[in-house]
Amino acid sequence: MKGVSILYDEAKDRRLIQIDLSEVDPSNEAIEDLLDMIIAESRKDTEKISVEELQRLLKVDGKL
């Protein structure tokens, strides 16, 4: 796929995926789903807050 490269380690095992976002078709749902999964995985250990707390914080910051 244009704009997507798989990088291998010394043992020739697939190790990393590199995505050139300027080359990838932004309407490609597979890429969008992949990016969503990566973002979700990266945030899985972050502190969770309630919707009410989020609204309160946004009001304090003047964003709501």
C-alpha atoms as a PDB file:
ATOM      1  CA  MET A   1       0.000   0.000   0.000  1.00  0.00           C
ATOM      2  CA  LYS A   2       1.396   3.376  -0.940  1.00  0.00           C
ATOM      3  CA  GLY A   3       2.669   5.294   2.082  1.00  0.00           C
ATOM      4  CA  VAL A   4       2.836   2.245   4.377  1.00  0.00           C
ATOM      5  CA  SER A   5       6.092   0.454   5.177  1.00  0.00           C
ATOM      6  CA  ILE A   6       6.773  -2.529   7.424  1.00  0.00           C
ATOM      7  CA  LEU A   7      10.120  -2.411   9.183  1.00  0.00           C
ATOM      8  CA  TYR A   8      11.924  -5.583  10.247  1.00  0.00           C
ATOM      9  CA  ASP A   9      14.382  -6.261  13.066  1.00  0.00           C
ATOM     10  CA  GLU A  10      17.716  -8.061  12.777  1.00  0.00           C
ATOM     11  CA  ALA A  11      15.965 -11.461  12.939  1.00  0.00           C
ATOM     12  CA  LYS A  12      13.779 -10.467   9.960  1.00  0.00           C
ATOM     13  CA  ASP A  13      10.682 -10.332  12.165  1.00  0.00           C
ATOM     14  CA  ARG A  14       8.106  -7.651  11.452  1.00  0.00           C
ATOM     15  CA  ARG A  15       8.659  -5.069  14.134  1.00  0.00           C
ATOM     16  CA  LEU A  16       7.241  -1.663  13.175  1.00  0.00           C
ATOM     17  CA  ILE A  17       4.808  -0.131  10.767  1.00  0.00           C
ATOM     18  CA  GLN A  18       5.555   3.281   9.321  1.00  0.00           C
ATOM     19  CA  ILE A  19       2.720   5.302   7.809  1.00  0.00           C
ATOM     20  CA  ASP A  20       3.403   8.412   5.752  1.00  0.00           C
ATOM     21  CA  LEU A  21       0.142  10.230   6.395  1.00  0.00           C
ATOM     22  CA  SER A  22       0.748  12.606   3.491  1.00  0.00           C
ATOM     23  CA  GLU A  23       0.800   9.621   1.116  1.00  0.00           C
ATOM     24  CA  VAL A  24      -2.154   7.623   2.466  1.00  0.00           C
ATOM     25  CA  ASP A  25      -5.655   8.180   1.101  1.00  0.00           C
ATOM     26  CA  PRO A  26      -7.495   9.811   4.031  1.00  0.00           C
ATOM     27  CA  SER A  27     -10.770   8.191   2.975  1.00  0.00           C
ATOM     28  CA  ASN A  28      -9.297   4.691   3.396  1.00  0.00           C
ATOM     29  CA  GLU A  29     -11.355   3.245   6.250  1.00  0.00           C
ATOM     30  CA  ALA A  30      -8.797   0.530   7.031  1.00  0.00           C
ATOM     31  CA  ILE A  31      -6.117   3.125   7.756  1.00  0.00           C
ATOM     32  CA  GLU A  32      -8.558   5.218   9.781  1.00  0.00           C
ATOM     33  CA  ASP A  33      -9.549   2.144  11.828  1.00  0.00           C
ATOM     34  CA  LEU A  34      -5.893   1.240  12.368  1.00  0.00           C
ATOM     35  CA  LEU A  35      -5.074   4.739  13.609  1.00  0.00           C
ATOM     36  CA  ASP A  36      -8.112   4.670  15.918  1.00  0.00           C
ATOM     37  CA  MET A  37      -6.925   1.366  17.414  1.00  0.00           C
ATOM     38  CA  ILE A  38      -3.396   2.693  17.895  1.00  0.00           C
ATOM     39  CA  ILE A  39      -4.695   5.813  19.653  1.00  0.00           C
ATOM     40  CA  ALA A  40      -7.058   3.775  21.845  1.00  0.00           C
ATOM     41  CA  GLU A  41      -4.265   1.370  22.801  1.00  0.00           C
ATOM     42  CA  SER A  42      -1.918   4.227  23.657  1.00  0.00           C
ATOM     43  CA  ARG A  43      -4.533   5.727  26.001  1.00  0.00           C
ATOM     44  CA  LYS A  44      -5.704   2.558  27.759  1.00  0.00           C
ATOM     45  CA  ASP A  45      -3.751   3.262  30.947  1.00  0.00           C
ATOM     46  CA  THR A  46      -4.632   6.941  31.270  1.00  0.00           C
ATOM     47  CA  GLU A  47      -6.710   8.132  34.179  1.00  0.00           C
ATOM     48  CA  LYS A  48     -10.417   7.985  33.489  1.00  0.00           C
ATOM     49  CA  ILE A  49     -12.815  10.726  34.557  1.00  0.00           C
ATOM     50  CA  SER A  50     -16.576  11.031  34.458  1.00  0.00           C
ATOM     51  CA  VAL A  51     -18.428  13.094  31.873  1.00  0.00           C
ATOM     52  CA  GLU A  52     -19.470  15.454  34.641  1.00  0.00           C
ATOM     53  CA  GLU A  53     -15.838  15.987  35.690  1.00  0.00           C
ATOM     54  CA  LEU A  54     -14.842  16.591  32.066  1.00  0.00           C
ATOM     55  CA  GLN A  55     -17.579  19.185  31.696  1.00  0.00           C
ATOM     56  CA  ARG A  56     -16.464  20.890  34.910  1.00  0.00           C
ATOM     57  CA  LEU A  57     -12.842  21.020  33.713  1.00  0.00           C
ATOM     58  CA  LEU A  58     -13.868  22.385  30.326  1.00  0.00           C
ATOM     59  CA  LYS A  59     -15.949  25.097  32.007  1.00  0.00           C
ATOM     60  CA  VAL A  60     -13.020  26.052  34.253  1.00  0.00           C
ATOM     61  CA  ASP A  61     -10.820  26.337  31.155  1.00  0.00           C
ATOM     62  CA  GLY A  62     -13.483  28.430  29.382  1.00  0.00           C
ATOM     63  CA  LYS A  63     -13.916  25.848  26.637  1.00  0.00           C
ATOM     64  CA  LEU A  64     -17.523  25.021  27.408  1.00  0.00           C
END
